[in-house]
Amino acid sequence: MSRPSQTSCCQPAKEQADLGPVEGDEADEELATLSKALGHPARVKIVRLLLRRNACVCGDIVDELPLAQSTVSQHLKGLKDANLIRGDVDGPRVCYCIEPRALRRLRALVGAL
């Protein structure tokens, strides 16, 4: 059963400058961390889903993937640990959103290869 999408449950992202070198040991470590977070097709699908919808509660994500809720939660944790997404508590639910700064940083790091 599909749940209605929650498009306003995440707080607006904090605007921060996208500073930092795109080459060097720290940049390489950052790129490796972000790449590892996206190293599973389910995580890529989750990121694409969040980009399309702007925000989703975990149940909405589970409805879109052929995976158990516990597996989806593990993938969400991996993306959150890499700061690619954030999870805001919305009552009894957690609403997940893309972290725009992290996505811009990933694009810059990949673009510098």
Protein backbone atom coordinates (compact mmCIF):
# COMPACT_ATOMS: atom_id res chain seq x y z
CA MET A 1 0.00 0.00 0.00
CA SER A 2 1.48 3.34 -1.01
CA ARG A 3 1.61 6.20 1.46
CA PRO A 4 1.30 9.86 0.46
CA SER A 5 4.65 11.52 -0.08
CA GLN A 6 5.78 13.94 2.60
CA THR A 7 7.39 16.81 0.68
CA SER A 8 7.71 19.30 3.54
CA CYS A 9 8.83 17.22 6.51
CA CYS A 10 12.55 18.10 6.24
CA GLN A 11 13.89 21.37 7.50
CA PRO A 12 15.58 23.54 4.85
CA ALA A 13 19.24 22.69 4.38
CA LYS A 14 21.75 24.99 6.00
CA GLU A 15 23.56 26.98 3.36
CA GLN A 16 27.29 26.45 3.60
CA ALA A 17 30.03 27.32 1.22
CA ASP A 18 31.34 24.41 -0.83
CA LEU A 19 34.95 24.98 0.04
CA GLY A 20 37.75 22.52 -0.01
CA PRO A 21 40.33 21.26 -2.43
CA VAL A 22 39.28 18.71 -5.00
CA GLU A 23 42.71 17.06 -5.06
CA GLY A 24 45.01 15.79 -2.36
CA ASP A 25 44.80 13.21 0.42
CA GLU A 26 41.77 14.70 2.19
CA ALA A 27 39.83 15.09 -1.05
CA ASP A 28 40.70 11.53 -2.05
CA GLU A 29 39.49 10.23 1.32
CA GLU A 30 36.26 12.23 1.01
CA LEU A 31 35.62 10.95 -2.51
CA ALA A 32 36.27 7.36 -1.41
CA THR A 33 33.79 7.74 1.48
CA LEU A 34 31.09 9.20 -0.74
CA SER A 35 31.72 6.58 -3.44
CA LYS A 36 31.50 3.77 -0.90
CA ALA A 37 28.18 5.16 0.31
CA LEU A 38 26.86 4.96 -3.26
CA GLY A 39 28.50 1.58 -3.90
CA HIS A 40 25.24 -0.38 -3.86
CA PRO A 41 22.43 -0.09 -6.44
CA ALA A 42 19.79 0.23 -3.71
CA ARG A 43 21.56 3.28 -2.30
CA VAL A 44 21.73 4.87 -5.74
CA LYS A 45 17.98 4.23 -6.12
CA ILE A 46 17.32 5.80 -2.74
CA VAL A 47 19.28 8.92 -3.69
CA ARG A 48 17.42 9.17 -7.01
CA LEU A 49 14.09 8.74 -5.21
CA LEU A 50 14.92 11.46 -2.70
CA LEU A 51 16.02 13.80 -5.48
CA ARG A 52 12.71 13.27 -7.31
CA ARG A 53 10.51 13.69 -4.26
CA ASN A 54 12.55 16.19 -2.23
CA ALA A 55 11.72 14.21 0.94
CA CYS A 56 10.44 10.77 1.95
CA VAL A 57 9.58 8.93 5.10
CA CYS A 58 11.18 5.53 5.45
CA GLY A 59 7.92 3.70 4.66
CA ASP A 60 7.65 5.48 1.31
CA ILE A 61 11.16 4.35 0.42
CA VAL A 62 10.41 0.76 1.46
CA ASP A 63 7.32 0.82 -0.80
CA GLU A 64 9.53 1.74 -3.78
CA LEU A 65 12.22 -0.92 -3.31
CA PRO A 66 11.98 -4.72 -3.37
CA LEU A 67 13.77 -4.90 -0.01
CA ALA A 68 12.80 -5.49 3.61
CA GLN A 69 12.45 -2.43 5.82
CA SER A 70 15.50 -3.49 7.87
CA THR A 71 17.61 -3.63 4.70
CA VAL A 72 16.37 -0.22 3.55
CA SER A 73 17.16 1.17 7.01
CA GLN A 74 20.73 -0.16 6.74
CA HIS A 75 21.15 1.52 3.36
CA LEU A 76 19.72 4.78 4.73
CA LYS A 77 22.19 4.61 7.61
CA GLY A 78 25.09 4.21 5.19
CA LEU A 79 23.97 7.24 3.19
CA LYS A 80 23.40 9.23 6.36
CA ASP A 81 26.79 8.29 7.81
CA ALA A 82 28.39 9.67 4.64
CA ASN A 83 26.29 12.85 5.05
CA LEU A 84 24.67 12.39 1.62
CA ILE A 85 21.25 12.44 3.24
CA ARG A 86 19.81 13.60 6.53
CA GLY A 87 17.00 12.21 8.57
CA ASP A 88 14.74 14.63 10.43
CA VAL A 89 12.40 13.30 13.10
CA ASP A 90 8.79 14.09 12.23
CA GLY A 91 6.74 12.73 15.11
CA PRO A 92 6.98 8.94 15.06
CA ARG A 93 8.57 8.94 11.59
CA VAL A 94 11.95 9.85 10.19
CA CYS A 95 11.83 11.97 7.07
CA TYR A 96 14.85 11.62 4.79
CA CYS A 97 16.18 14.33 2.48
CA ILE A 98 19.18 14.85 0.25
CA GLU A 99 21.96 16.95 1.75
CA PRO A 100 22.52 19.36 -1.18
CA ARG A 101 25.98 20.47 -0.10
CA ALA A 102 27.22 16.87 -0.02
CA LEU A 103 25.81 16.19 -3.47
CA ARG A 104 27.50 19.32 -4.86
CA ARG A 105 30.75 18.24 -3.21
CA LEU A 106 30.49 14.78 -4.73
CA ARG A 107 29.96 16.30 -8.17
CA ALA A 108 33.00 18.55 -7.71
CA LEU A 109 35.22 15.70 -6.54
CA VAL A 110 34.16 13.41 -9.39
CA GLY A 111 34.51 16.26 -11.88
CA ALA A 112 38.11 16.78 -10.81
CA LEU A 113 39.13 13.20 -11.69
